[in-house]
Amino acid sequence: MTNKETKITIQNLCFHIRRHYSIYSPYTDCDYVIWYNSININLLARVFISFFKIEYPLVIEQLLKICNHSGFTVTPLSNDHKPRGYHFSYGKDVRIFIKENDPPNAQIHTLLHELYEIIADNLIEYSNNSLELERQVIEAKADEFAARVHVPDWTVFDWIENNGIDVFGLKDKLACSYETALIRMHRMMCIFTKTNSGEYLTVISLLYERPYWESLPMTELTEFKLKSYKKSTGFPFSLKSNELKDLRFHFKTKRNITILDFVNFSARKLRNTFFRNIEMEFGTTSLAVDILIRNVMWTTYFYPVKILIQIVPSDRKLLRELAERINVIFMN
């Protein structure tokens, strides 16, 4: 007689956390997941990964198995529904809905997002403090949890150490979205130094995309919009997203180039391009920088749907090494 597989559930996880990671637990001798009326997202993600023995790259079947063992029903949504996903609970009846036609990485993010909300409700329900959070706070925490489980810290550290700041490569390795790869990489850059130099990674990254491009006919291509903007330490100025328009770049033969000029250039040229030793100006500060621009092409038609722009000081070799490795066209 074969042994039946042990079913490890979300309910088991919550009991484990309340027993070992709660301020109210007499057994705890470590950091807390539940601390009064808040949840430590970073620790919760690590406990989730360890408890369910998540393997990487993460595939949705692992999460569907957890849901099945927990007695949760996962139901596909048609594209007619505006939300990417949601859930509702009635007693032990828990139902999660995710978009049927979303790519796998988006379905994984949505499912993890909903699982966080279910876990958080369960943990707070059994704590000694009620927790009332604004919806946008809950959504932000759920997104952070999903990103940390989908792309855990150690995988990003290892990737940066061995492959530099290749966002596209990290996205492919961990089967996540471009935005998730970019956000997780920059979060790690805050504390990461290259072991061979001891220097912090100094990068500005801008991800542009065409909104809703998948459902539009070719005669209605939308303009590129800024999807994500991240800036690491090391630049001699602070820069908010609404100030990106004030950046100016000067070539030997042409001055006052803007970020949007680079976006439009890339959309027209349909190629990845590396610019070396370009003068970047912001306010009264001037700095020599290297710029790498990469496209994501629409598979059905020959048009870019995403554009990633990365900027580093020219005295750093980060982008130069990456551009050489992926055979990008060099321009001065």
C-alpha atoms as a PDB file:
ATOM      1  CA  MET A   1       0.000   0.000   0.000  1.00  0.00           C
ATOM      2  CA  THR A   2       1.398   3.352  -1.024  1.00  0.00           C
ATOM      3  CA  ASN A   3       1.577   6.206   1.446  1.00  0.00           C
ATOM      4  CA  LYS A   4      -0.829   9.017   0.805  1.00  0.00           C
ATOM      5  CA  GLU A   5       0.691  12.420   0.106  1.00  0.00           C
ATOM      6  CA  THR A   6       0.607  14.718   3.134  1.00  0.00           C
ATOM      7  CA  LYS A   7      -1.537  17.715   2.365  1.00  0.00           C
ATOM      8  CA  ILE A   8       0.052  20.949   3.577  1.00  0.00           C
ATOM      9  CA  THR A   9      -2.495  23.743   3.592  1.00  0.00           C
ATOM     10  CA  ILE A  10      -2.817  27.484   4.043  1.00  0.00           C
ATOM     11  CA  GLN A  11      -4.565  26.730   7.320  1.00  0.00           C
ATOM     12  CA  ASN A  12      -1.463  24.750   8.435  1.00  0.00           C
ATOM     13  CA  LEU A  13       0.729  27.694   7.477  1.00  0.00           C
ATOM     14  CA  CYS A  14      -1.329  30.144   9.515  1.00  0.00           C
ATOM     15  CA  PHE A  15      -1.266  27.852  12.557  1.00  0.00           C
ATOM     16  CA  HIS A  16       2.532  27.493  12.161  1.00  0.00           C
ATOM     17  CA  ILE A  17       2.953  31.280  12.013  1.00  0.00           C
ATOM     18  CA  ARG A  18       0.722  31.940  15.022  1.00  0.00           C
ATOM     19  CA  ARG A  19       2.653  29.320  16.995  1.00  0.00           C
ATOM     20  CA  HIS A  20       6.202  30.313  16.057  1.00  0.00           C
ATOM     21  CA  TYR A  21       6.215  33.818  14.577  1.00  0.00           C
ATOM     22  CA  SER A  22       3.659  35.793  16.560  1.00  0.00           C
ATOM     23  CA  ILE A  23       4.276  38.281  19.346  1.00  0.00           C
ATOM     24  CA  TYR A  24       1.497  36.489  21.215  1.00  0.00           C
ATOM     25  CA  SER A  25       3.222  33.088  20.999  1.00  0.00           C
ATOM     26  CA  PRO A  26       5.114  31.708  24.020  1.00  0.00           C
ATOM     27  CA  TYR A  27       7.200  29.582  21.616  1.00  0.00           C
ATOM     28  CA  THR A  28       8.702  32.349  19.526  1.00  0.00           C
ATOM     29  CA  ASP A  29      12.432  33.008  19.727  1.00  0.00           C
ATOM     30  CA  CYS A  30      12.800  34.695  16.347  1.00  0.00           C
ATOM     31  CA  ASP A  31      11.429  37.607  14.341  1.00  0.00           C
ATOM     32  CA  TYR A  32       7.680  38.125  14.171  1.00  0.00           C
ATOM     33  CA  VAL A  33       5.407  37.770  11.165  1.00  0.00           C
ATOM     34  CA  ILE A  34       2.541  39.237  13.200  1.00  0.00           C
ATOM     35  CA  TRP A  35       3.587  42.293  15.190  1.00  0.00           C
ATOM     36  CA  TYR A  36       0.590  43.823  16.944  1.00  0.00           C
ATOM     37  CA  ASN A  37      -1.559  45.126  14.068  1.00  0.00           C
ATOM     38  CA  SER A  38       0.835  44.637  11.152  1.00  0.00           C
ATOM     39  CA  ILE A  39       2.374  41.840   9.091  1.00  0.00           C
ATOM     40  CA  ASN A  40       6.069  41.549   8.221  1.00  0.00           C
ATOM     41  CA  ILE A  41       5.805  40.946   4.466  1.00  0.00           C
ATOM     42  CA  ASN A  42       9.444  39.965   3.971  1.00  0.00           C
ATOM     43  CA  LEU A  43       9.387  37.340   6.720  1.00  0.00           C
ATOM     44  CA  LEU A  44       5.945  36.057   5.704  1.00  0.00           C
ATOM     45  CA  ALA A  45       7.222  35.494   2.151  1.00  0.00           C
ATOM     46  CA  ARG A  46      10.266  33.578   3.434  1.00  0.00           C
ATOM     47  CA  VAL A  47       8.154  31.431   5.751  1.00  0.00           C
ATOM     48  CA  PHE A  48       5.696  30.731   2.893  1.00  0.00           C
ATOM     49  CA  ILE A  49       8.533  29.635   0.576  1.00  0.00           C
ATOM     50  CA  SER A  50      10.089  27.398   3.218  1.00  0.00           C
ATOM     51  CA  PHE A  51       6.823  25.937   4.549  1.00  0.00           C
ATOM     52  CA  PHE A  52       5.539  24.886   1.122  1.00  0.00           C
ATOM     53  CA  LYS A  53       9.037  24.023  -0.203  1.00  0.00           C
ATOM     54  CA  ILE A  54       8.587  26.265  -3.257  1.00  0.00           C
ATOM     55  CA  GLU A  55      10.868  25.367  -6.163  1.00  0.00           C
ATOM     56  CA  TYR A  56      12.170  27.824  -8.770  1.00  0.00           C
ATOM     57  CA  PRO A  57      11.423  28.875 -11.376  1.00  0.00           C
ATOM     58  CA  LEU A  58       7.976  28.988  -9.830  1.00  0.00           C
ATOM     59  CA  VAL A  59       5.200  27.446 -11.930  1.00  0.00           C
ATOM     60  CA  ILE A  60       1.506  27.968 -11.314  1.00  0.00           C
ATOM     61  CA  GLU A  61       0.923  24.242 -10.754  1.00  0.00           C
ATOM     62  CA  GLN A  62       2.724  24.550  -7.409  1.00  0.00           C
ATOM     63  CA  LEU A  63       0.256  27.220  -6.265  1.00  0.00           C
ATOM     64  CA  LEU A  64      -2.770  25.372  -7.636  1.00  0.00           C
ATOM     65  CA  LYS A  65      -1.682  22.338  -5.607  1.00  0.00           C
ATOM     66  CA  ILE A  66      -1.557  24.446  -2.436  1.00  0.00           C
ATOM     67  CA  CYS A  67      -5.031  25.796  -3.189  1.00  0.00           C
ATOM     68  CA  ASN A  68      -6.380  22.308  -3.881  1.00  0.00           C
ATOM     69  CA  HIS A  69      -4.953  20.886  -0.647  1.00  0.00           C
ATOM     70  CA  SER A  70      -6.404  23.879   1.231  1.00  0.00           C
ATOM     71  CA  GLY A  71      -9.869  23.276  -0.204  1.00  0.00           C
ATOM     72  CA  PHE A  72      -9.827  26.490  -2.241  1.00  0.00           C
ATOM     73  CA  THR A  73     -11.519  26.606  -5.646  1.00  0.00           C
ATOM     74  CA  VAL A  74      -9.629  28.438  -8.411  1.00  0.00           C
ATOM     75  CA  THR A  75     -11.900  29.563 -11.244  1.00  0.00           C
ATOM     76  CA  PRO A  76     -10.863  31.185 -14.562  1.00  0.00           C
ATOM     77  CA  LEU A  77     -12.220  34.608 -15.498  1.00  0.00           C
ATOM     78  CA  SER A  78     -12.970  35.695 -19.055  1.00  0.00           C
ATOM     79  CA  ASN A  79     -11.381  38.831 -20.491  1.00  0.00           C
ATOM     80  CA  ASP A  80     -14.733  40.598 -20.064  1.00  0.00           C
ATOM     81  CA  HIS A  81     -13.949  41.064 -16.370  1.00  0.00           C
ATOM     82  CA  LYS A  82     -11.919  44.177 -15.571  1.00  0.00           C
ATOM     83  CA  PRO A  83     -10.142  42.893 -12.391  1.00  0.00           C
ATOM     84  CA  ARG A  84      -7.200  40.567 -12.964  1.00  0.00           C
ATOM     85  CA  GLY A  85      -8.379  38.550  -9.982  1.00  0.00           C
ATOM     86  CA  TYR A  86     -10.313  38.492  -6.732  1.00  0.00           C
ATOM     87  CA  HIS A  87     -11.549  36.085  -4.077  1.00  0.00           C
ATOM     88  CA  PHE A  88     -14.369  35.673  -1.617  1.00  0.00           C
ATOM     89  CA  SER A  89     -14.795  33.524   1.474  1.00  0.00           C
ATOM     90  CA  TYR A  90     -17.899  32.167   3.129  1.00  0.00           C
ATOM     91  CA  GLY A  91     -16.936  30.033   6.067  1.00  0.00           C
ATOM     92  CA  LYS A  92     -14.665  27.298   4.737  1.00  0.00           C
ATOM     93  CA  ASP A  93     -15.764  27.964   1.158  1.00  0.00           C
ATOM     94  CA  VAL A  94     -12.926  29.991  -0.425  1.00  0.00           C
ATOM     95  CA  ARG A  95     -13.026  30.795  -4.127  1.00  0.00           C
ATOM     96  CA  ILE A  96     -10.278  32.529  -6.101  1.00  0.00           C
ATOM     97  CA  PHE A  97     -10.772  33.943  -9.589  1.00  0.00           C
ATOM     98  CA  ILE A  98      -7.925  34.697 -12.026  1.00  0.00           C
ATOM     99  CA  LYS A  99      -7.888  35.789 -15.669  1.00  0.00           C
ATOM    100  CA  GLU A 100      -7.983  32.747 -17.943  1.00  0.00           C
ATOM    101  CA  ASN A 101      -6.012  34.297 -20.803  1.00  0.00           C
ATOM    102  CA  ASP A 102      -3.357  36.122 -18.750  1.00  0.00           C
ATOM    103  CA  PRO A 103       0.227  34.917 -19.326  1.00  0.00           C
ATOM    104  CA  PRO A 104       1.505  32.437 -16.716  1.00  0.00           C
ATOM    105  CA  ASN A 105       3.651  35.002 -14.870  1.00  0.00           C
ATOM    106  CA  ALA A 106       0.629  37.299 -14.465  1.00  0.00           C
ATOM    107  CA  GLN A 107      -1.532  34.416 -13.212  1.00  0.00           C
ATOM    108  CA  ILE A 108       1.131  33.492 -10.655  1.00  0.00           C
ATOM    109  CA  HIS A 109       1.301  37.080  -9.398  1.00  0.00           C
ATOM    110  CA  THR A 110      -2.497  37.318  -9.156  1.00  0.00           C
ATOM    111  CA  LEU A 111      -2.828  33.994  -7.328  1.00  0.00           C
ATOM    112  CA  LEU A 112      -0.093  34.923  -4.829  1.00  0.00           C
ATOM    113  CA  HIS A 113      -1.766  38.314  -4.360  1.00  0.00           C
ATOM    114  CA  GLU A 114      -5.078  36.677  -3.452  1.00  0.00           C
ATOM    115  CA  LEU A 115      -3.402  34.085  -1.223  1.00  0.00           C
ATOM    116  CA  TYR A 116      -1.761  36.894   0.758  1.00  0.00           C
ATOM    117  CA  GLU A 117      -5.131  38.504   1.414  1.00  0.00           C
ATOM    118  CA  ILE A 118      -6.554  35.159   2.579  1.00  0.00           C
ATOM    119  CA  ILE A 119      -3.535  34.533   4.837  1.00  0.00           C
ATOM    120  CA  ALA A 120      -3.631  38.076   6.244  1.00  0.00           C
ATOM    121  CA  ASP A 121      -7.350  37.780   7.042  1.00  0.00           C
ATOM    122  CA  ASN A 122      -6.692  34.474   8.821  1.00  0.00           C
ATOM    123  CA  LEU A 123      -3.732  35.767  10.838  1.00  0.00           C
ATOM    124  CA  ILE A 124      -5.396  38.990  11.935  1.00  0.00           C
ATOM    125  CA  GLU A 125      -8.608  37.155  12.804  1.00  0.00           C
ATOM    126  CA  TYR A 126      -6.720  35.185  15.463  1.00  0.00           C
ATOM    127  CA  SER A 127      -4.610  38.057  16.784  1.00  0.00           C
ATOM    128  CA  ASN A 128      -5.549  40.137  19.805  1.00  0.00           C
ATOM    129  CA  ASN A 129      -5.848  43.325  17.751  1.00  0.00           C
ATOM    130  CA  SER A 130      -8.274  44.174  14.999  1.00  0.00           C
ATOM    131  CA  LEU A 131      -6.669  45.422  11.791  1.00  0.00           C
ATOM    132  CA  GLU A 132      -8.469  47.887   9.594  1.00  0.00           C
ATOM    133  CA  LEU A 133      -6.415  48.936   6.593  1.00  0.00           C
ATOM    134  CA  GLU A 134      -7.298  51.060   3.618  1.00  0.00           C
ATOM    135  CA  ARG A 135      -7.823  49.008   0.488  1.00  0.00           C
ATOM    136  CA  GLN A 136      -4.827  50.527  -1.269  1.00  0.00           C
ATOM    137  CA  VAL A 137      -2.554  49.510   1.641  1.00  0.00           C
ATOM    138  CA  ILE A 138      -3.815  45.930   1.496  1.00  0.00           C
ATOM    139  CA  GLU A 139      -3.293  45.841  -2.283  1.00  0.00           C
ATOM    140  CA  ALA A 140       0.243  47.210  -1.966  1.00  0.00           C
ATOM    141  CA  LYS A 141       1.162  44.622   0.686  1.00  0.00           C
ATOM    142  CA  ALA A 142      -0.353  41.821  -1.404  1.00  0.00           C
ATOM    143  CA  ASP A 143       1.653  42.921  -4.456  1.00  0.00           C
ATOM    144  CA  GLU A 144       4.870  43.061  -2.417  1.00  0.00           C
ATOM    145  CA  PHE A 145       4.249  39.578  -1.009  1.00  0.00           C
ATOM    146  CA  ALA A 146       3.572  38.224  -4.512  1.00  0.00           C
ATOM    147  CA  ALA A 147       6.783  39.772  -5.853  1.00  0.00           C
ATOM    148  CA  ARG A 148       8.902  38.466  -2.941  1.00  0.00           C
ATOM    149  CA  VAL A 149       7.604  34.913  -3.333  1.00  0.00           C
ATOM    150  CA  HIS A 150       7.766  34.969  -7.134  1.00  0.00           C
ATOM    151  CA  VAL A 151      11.272  36.478  -7.179  1.00  0.00           C
ATOM    152  CA  PRO A 152      12.906  35.823  -3.773  1.00  0.00           C
ATOM    153  CA  ASP A 153      15.856  37.838  -2.474  1.00  0.00           C
ATOM    154  CA  TRP A 154      18.543  35.181  -2.808  1.00  0.00           C
ATOM    155  CA  THR A 155      17.765  34.510  -6.473  1.00  0.00           C
ATOM    156  CA  VAL A 156      18.162  38.222  -7.260  1.00  0.00           C
ATOM    157  CA  PHE A 157      21.430  38.452  -5.302  1.00  0.00           C
ATOM    158  CA  ASP A 158      22.814  35.466  -7.164  1.00  0.00           C
ATOM    159  CA  TRP A 159      21.666  36.838 -10.518  1.00  0.00           C
ATOM    160  CA  ILE A 160      23.237  40.277  -9.989  1.00  0.00           C
ATOM    161  CA  GLU A 161      26.512  38.768  -8.797  1.00  0.00           C
ATOM    162  CA  ASN A 162      26.804  36.549 -11.867  1.00  0.00           C
ATOM    163  CA  ASN A 163      24.944  38.478 -14.572  1.00  0.00           C
ATOM    164  CA  GLY A 164      24.913  42.130 -13.538  1.00  0.00           C
ATOM    165  CA  ILE A 165      21.809  44.246 -14.084  1.00  0.00           C
ATOM    166  CA  ASP A 166      20.243  42.222 -16.888  1.00  0.00           C
ATOM    167  CA  VAL A 167      16.521  42.729 -16.150  1.00  0.00           C
ATOM    168  CA  PHE A 168      15.414  40.760 -19.214  1.00  0.00           C
ATOM    169  CA  GLY A 169      17.574  37.801 -18.231  1.00  0.00           C
ATOM    170  CA  LEU A 170      16.201  37.780 -14.672  1.00  0.00           C
ATOM    171  CA  LYS A 171      12.667  37.916 -16.064  1.00  0.00           C
ATOM    172  CA  ASP A 172      13.339  34.895 -18.289  1.00  0.00           C
ATOM    173  CA  LYS A 173      15.134  32.880 -15.593  1.00  0.00           C
ATOM    174  CA  LEU A 174      12.357  33.258 -13.010  1.00  0.00           C
ATOM    175  CA  ALA A 175       9.424  33.410 -15.452  1.00  0.00           C
ATOM    176  CA  CYS A 176       8.119  36.648 -13.947  1.00  0.00           C
ATOM    177  CA  SER A 177       6.962  39.917 -15.525  1.00  0.00           C
ATOM    178  CA  TYR A 178       9.373  42.613 -16.722  1.00  0.00           C
ATOM    179  CA  GLU A 179       8.054  44.995 -14.069  1.00  0.00           C
ATOM    180  CA  THR A 180       8.481  42.455 -11.251  1.00  0.00           C
ATOM    181  CA  ALA A 181      12.061  41.699 -12.352  1.00  0.00           C
ATOM    182  CA  LEU A 182      12.866  45.422 -12.469  1.00  0.00           C
ATOM    183  CA  ILE A 183      11.318  46.203  -9.080  1.00  0.00           C
ATOM    184  CA  ARG A 184      12.945  43.249  -7.306  1.00  0.00           C
ATOM    185  CA  MET A 185      16.349  43.976  -8.848  1.00  0.00           C
ATOM    186  CA  HIS A 186      16.311  47.614  -7.714  1.00  0.00           C
ATOM    187  CA  ARG A 187      15.135  46.658  -4.235  1.00  0.00           C
ATOM    188  CA  MET A 188      18.180  44.418  -3.889  1.00  0.00           C
ATOM    189  CA  MET A 189      20.484  47.110  -5.269  1.00  0.00           C
ATOM    190  CA  CYS A 190      19.828  49.158  -2.140  1.00  0.00           C
ATOM    191  CA  ILE A 191      21.923  46.692  -0.105  1.00  0.00           C
ATOM    192  CA  PHE A 192      23.989  44.905  -2.748  1.00  0.00           C
ATOM    193  CA  THR A 193      27.648  45.574  -3.536  1.00  0.00           C
ATOM    194  CA  LYS A 194      29.677  43.797  -6.177  1.00  0.00           C
ATOM    195  CA  THR A 195      32.067  41.564  -4.245  1.00  0.00           C
ATOM    196  CA  ASN A 196      34.968  42.214  -6.611  1.00  0.00           C
ATOM    197  CA  SER A 197      34.761  46.012  -6.307  1.00  0.00           C
ATOM    198  CA  GLY A 198      32.779  46.819  -3.158  1.00  0.00           C
ATOM    199  CA  GLU A 199      30.841  49.435  -5.133  1.00  0.00           C
ATOM    200  CA  TYR A 200      27.095  49.972  -4.933  1.00  0.00           C
ATOM    201  CA  LEU A 201      25.213  49.495  -8.195  1.00  0.00           C
ATOM    202  CA  THR A 202      24.193  52.909  -9.517  1.00  0.00           C
ATOM    203  CA  VAL A 203      21.382  52.662 -12.067  1.00  0.00           C
ATOM    204  CA  ILE A 204      18.330  54.564 -13.301  1.00  0.00           C
ATOM    205  CA  SER A 205      15.785  52.257 -14.952  1.00  0.00           C
ATOM    206  CA  LEU A 206      12.653  53.240 -16.874  1.00  0.00           C
ATOM    207  CA  LEU A 207      10.181  50.740 -18.278  1.00  0.00           C
ATOM    208  CA  TYR A 208       7.714  52.013 -20.896  1.00  0.00           C
ATOM    209  CA  GLU A 209       4.875  50.054 -22.468  1.00  0.00           C
ATOM    210  CA  ARG A 210       1.898  50.474 -24.741  1.00  0.00           C
ATOM    211  CA  PRO A 211      -1.228  50.244 -22.528  1.00  0.00           C
ATOM    212  CA  TYR A 212      -3.721  47.530 -23.523  1.00  0.00           C
ATOM    213  CA  TRP A 213      -1.730  46.775 -26.683  1.00  0.00           C
ATOM    214  CA  GLU A 214      -2.784  43.136 -26.790  1.00  0.00           C
ATOM    215  CA  SER A 215      -6.446  43.898 -27.500  1.00  0.00           C
ATOM    216  CA  LEU A 216      -5.958  46.694 -30.032  1.00  0.00           C
ATOM    217  CA  PRO A 217      -5.948  46.468 -33.839  1.00  0.00           C
ATOM    218  CA  MET A 218      -2.770  47.680 -35.501  1.00  0.00           C
ATOM    219  CA  THR A 219      -4.482  50.875 -36.635  1.00  0.00           C
ATOM    220  CA  GLU A 220      -4.945  51.915 -32.987  1.00  0.00           C
ATOM    221  CA  LEU A 221      -1.472  51.503 -31.491  1.00  0.00           C
ATOM    222  CA  THR A 222      -1.259  53.510 -28.280  1.00  0.00           C
ATOM    223  CA  GLU A 223       1.626  55.739 -27.224  1.00  0.00           C
ATOM    224  CA  PHE A 224       4.230  54.461 -24.807  1.00  0.00           C
ATOM    225  CA  LYS A 225       3.536  55.255 -21.159  1.00  0.00           C
ATOM    226  CA  LEU A 226       5.892  55.022 -18.195  1.00  0.00           C
ATOM    227  CA  LYS A 227       5.129  51.742 -16.392  1.00  0.00           C
ATOM    228  CA  SER A 228       7.894  51.693 -13.792  1.00  0.00           C
ATOM    229  CA  TYR A 229      10.683  54.052 -12.716  1.00  0.00           C
ATOM    230  CA  LYS A 230      13.466  53.104 -10.301  1.00  0.00           C
ATOM    231  CA  LYS A 231      16.651  54.912  -9.238  1.00  0.00           C
ATOM    232  CA  SER A 232      19.335  53.386  -7.030  1.00  0.00           C
ATOM    233  CA  THR A 233      21.844  55.225  -4.836  1.00  0.00           C
ATOM    234  CA  GLY A 234      25.028  56.841  -6.145  1.00  0.00           C
ATOM    235  CA  PHE A 235      23.743  59.676  -8.344  1.00  0.00           C
ATOM    236  CA  PRO A 236      24.573  63.247  -7.209  1.00  0.00           C
ATOM    237  CA  PHE A 237      20.898  64.259  -7.226  1.00  0.00           C
ATOM    238  CA  SER A 238      17.438  63.065  -6.239  1.00  0.00           C
ATOM    239  CA  LEU A 239      14.977  62.532  -9.076  1.00  0.00           C
ATOM    240  CA  LYS A 240      11.218  62.082  -8.837  1.00  0.00           C
ATOM    241  CA  SER A 241       9.182  60.498 -11.611  1.00  0.00           C
ATOM    242  CA  ASN A 242       7.528  63.817 -12.460  1.00  0.00           C
ATOM    243  CA  GLU A 243      11.006  65.304 -12.978  1.00  0.00           C
ATOM    244  CA  LEU A 244      12.108  62.800 -15.621  1.00  0.00           C
ATOM    245  CA  LYS A 245      10.959  65.219 -18.295  1.00  0.00           C
ATOM    246  CA  ASP A 246      13.621  67.660 -17.059  1.00  0.00           C
ATOM    247  CA  LEU A 247      16.537  65.329 -17.809  1.00  0.00           C
ATOM    248  CA  ARG A 248      18.618  66.487 -20.770  1.00  0.00           C
ATOM    249  CA  PHE A 249      21.196  64.542 -22.755  1.00  0.00           C
ATOM    250  CA  HIS A 250      23.859  66.129 -24.953  1.00  0.00           C
ATOM    251  CA  PHE A 251      25.638  64.478 -27.868  1.00  0.00           C
ATOM    252  CA  LYS A 252      28.563  66.003 -29.755  1.00  0.00           C
ATOM    253  CA  THR A 253      26.303  66.889 -32.676  1.00  0.00           C
ATOM    254  CA  LYS A 254      22.935  67.259 -30.937  1.00  0.00           C
ATOM    255  CA  ARG A 255      21.890  68.686 -27.593  1.00  0.00           C
ATOM    256  CA  ASN A 256      18.844  68.755 -25.325  1.00  0.00           C
ATOM    257  CA  ILE A 257      17.685  65.191 -26.018  1.00  0.00           C
ATOM    258  CA  THR A 258      14.917  64.053 -23.650  1.00  0.00           C
ATOM    259  CA  ILE A 259      13.933  60.634 -22.315  1.00  0.00           C
ATOM    260  CA  LEU A 260      10.897  60.621 -24.613  1.00  0.00           C
ATOM    261  CA  ASP A 261      13.221  61.286 -27.558  1.00  0.00           C
ATOM    262  CA  PHE A 262      15.032  58.051 -26.684  1.00  0.00           C
ATOM    263  CA  VAL A 263      11.696  56.218 -26.424  1.00  0.00           C
ATOM    264  CA  ASN A 264      10.600  57.482 -29.842  1.00  0.00           C
ATOM    265  CA  PHE A 265      14.013  56.651 -31.316  1.00  0.00           C
ATOM    266  CA  SER A 266      13.777  53.086 -30.078  1.00  0.00           C
ATOM    267  CA  ALA A 267      10.184  52.704 -31.313  1.00  0.00           C
ATOM    268  CA  ARG A 268      11.270  53.783 -34.807  1.00  0.00           C
ATOM    269  CA  LYS A 269      14.603  51.975 -35.080  1.00  0.00           C
ATOM    270  CA  LEU A 270      13.224  48.672 -33.723  1.00  0.00           C
ATOM    271  CA  ARG A 271      16.553  47.662 -32.241  1.00  0.00           C
ATOM    272  CA  ASN A 272      18.500  47.526 -29.006  1.00  0.00           C
ATOM    273  CA  THR A 273      21.071  50.320 -28.719  1.00  0.00           C
ATOM    274  CA  PHE A 274      23.919  51.299 -26.392  1.00  0.00           C
ATOM    275  CA  PHE A 275      25.134  54.912 -26.097  1.00  0.00           C
ATOM    276  CA  ARG A 276      28.554  55.557 -24.536  1.00  0.00           C
ATOM    277  CA  ASN A 277      29.781  58.541 -22.568  1.00  0.00           C
ATOM    278  CA  ILE A 278      26.802  60.868 -23.076  1.00  0.00           C
ATOM    279  CA  GLU A 279      26.476  64.064 -21.040  1.00  0.00           C
ATOM    280  CA  MET A 280      23.375  63.963 -18.812  1.00  0.00           C
ATOM    281  CA  GLU A 281      22.171  67.194 -17.249  1.00  0.00           C
ATOM    282  CA  PHE A 282      19.655  67.706 -14.455  1.00  0.00           C
ATOM    283  CA  GLY A 283      19.310  71.177 -12.991  1.00  0.00           C
ATOM    284  CA  THR A 284      22.829  72.395 -12.242  1.00  0.00           C
ATOM    285  CA  THR A 285      24.320  68.886 -12.195  1.00  0.00           C
ATOM    286  CA  SER A 286      26.076  67.315 -15.161  1.00  0.00           C
ATOM    287  CA  LEU A 287      27.283  63.721 -15.408  1.00  0.00           C
ATOM    288  CA  ALA A 288      28.777  61.479 -18.105  1.00  0.00           C
ATOM    289  CA  VAL A 289      26.575  58.391 -18.490  1.00  0.00           C
ATOM    290  CA  ASP A 290      26.104  55.228 -20.545  1.00  0.00           C
ATOM    291  CA  ILE A 291      22.600  54.363 -21.774  1.00  0.00           C
ATOM    292  CA  LEU A 292      21.237  50.964 -22.785  1.00  0.00           C
ATOM    293  CA  ILE A 293      17.872  50.771 -24.582  1.00  0.00           C
ATOM    294  CA  ARG A 294      16.158  47.404 -25.130  1.00  0.00           C
ATOM    295  CA  ASN A 295      12.907  46.514 -26.905  1.00  0.00           C
ATOM    296  CA  VAL A 296      10.306  43.825 -26.404  1.00  0.00           C
ATOM    297  CA  MET A 297       8.719  43.124 -29.769  1.00  0.00           C
ATOM    298  CA  TRP A 298       5.114  42.130 -30.379  1.00  0.00           C
ATOM    299  CA  THR A 299       5.284  38.552 -31.646  1.00  0.00           C
ATOM    300  CA  THR A 300       2.374  38.956 -34.074  1.00  0.00           C
ATOM    301  CA  TYR A 301       3.475  42.236 -35.653  1.00  0.00           C
ATOM    302  CA  PHE A 302       6.854  43.910 -35.990  1.00  0.00           C
ATOM    303  CA  TYR A 303       6.292  46.603 -33.386  1.00  0.00           C
ATOM    304  CA  PRO A 304       7.834  47.155 -29.930  1.00  0.00           C
ATOM    305  CA  VAL A 305       5.407  46.915 -27.009  1.00  0.00           C
ATOM    306  CA  LYS A 306       7.864  47.539 -24.169  1.00  0.00           C
ATOM    307  CA  ILE A 307      11.018  49.644 -23.952  1.00  0.00           C
ATOM    308  CA  LEU A 308      13.535  49.485 -21.101  1.00  0.00           C
ATOM    309  CA  ILE A 309      16.016  52.347 -20.649  1.00  0.00           C
ATOM    310  CA  GLN A 310      18.880  51.929 -18.174  1.00  0.00           C
ATOM    311  CA  ILE A 311      21.347  54.694 -17.303  1.00  0.00           C
ATOM    312  CA  VAL A 312      24.612  54.367 -15.336  1.00  0.00           C
ATOM    313  CA  PRO A 313      27.603  56.701 -14.784  1.00  0.00           C
ATOM    314  CA  SER A 314      30.193  56.120 -17.509  1.00  0.00           C
ATOM    315  CA  ASP A 315      32.922  55.310 -14.982  1.00  0.00           C
ATOM    316  CA  ARG A 316      31.001  52.109 -14.131  1.00  0.00           C
ATOM    317  CA  LYS A 317      31.193  49.124 -16.508  1.00  0.00           C
ATOM    318  CA  LEU A 318      27.771  47.673 -15.682  1.00  0.00           C
ATOM    319  CA  LEU A 319      25.971  48.464 -18.911  1.00  0.00           C
ATOM    320  CA  ARG A 320      29.012  48.217 -21.147  1.00  0.00           C
ATOM    321  CA  GLU A 321      29.633  44.630 -20.072  1.00  0.00           C
ATOM    322  CA  LEU A 322      25.951  43.765 -20.465  1.00  0.00           C
ATOM    323  CA  ALA A 323      25.726  45.396 -23.914  1.00  0.00           C
ATOM    324  CA  GLU A 324      28.775  43.455 -25.102  1.00  0.00           C
ATOM    325  CA  ARG A 325      27.388  40.188 -23.769  1.00  0.00           C
ATOM    326  CA  ILE A 326      24.025  40.531 -25.543  1.00  0.00           C
ATOM    327  CA  ASN A 327      25.560  41.966 -28.762  1.00  0.00           C
ATOM    328  CA  VAL A 328      23.857  45.357 -28.709  1.00  0.00           C
ATOM    329  CA  ILE A 329      24.729  48.007 -31.301  1.00  0.00           C
ATOM    330  CA  PHE A 330      27.181  50.559 -29.829  1.00  0.00           C
ATOM    331  CA  MET A 331      26.726  54.244 -30.678  1.00  0.00           C
ATOM    332  CA  ASN A 332      28.677  57.335 -29.587  1.00  0.00           C
END
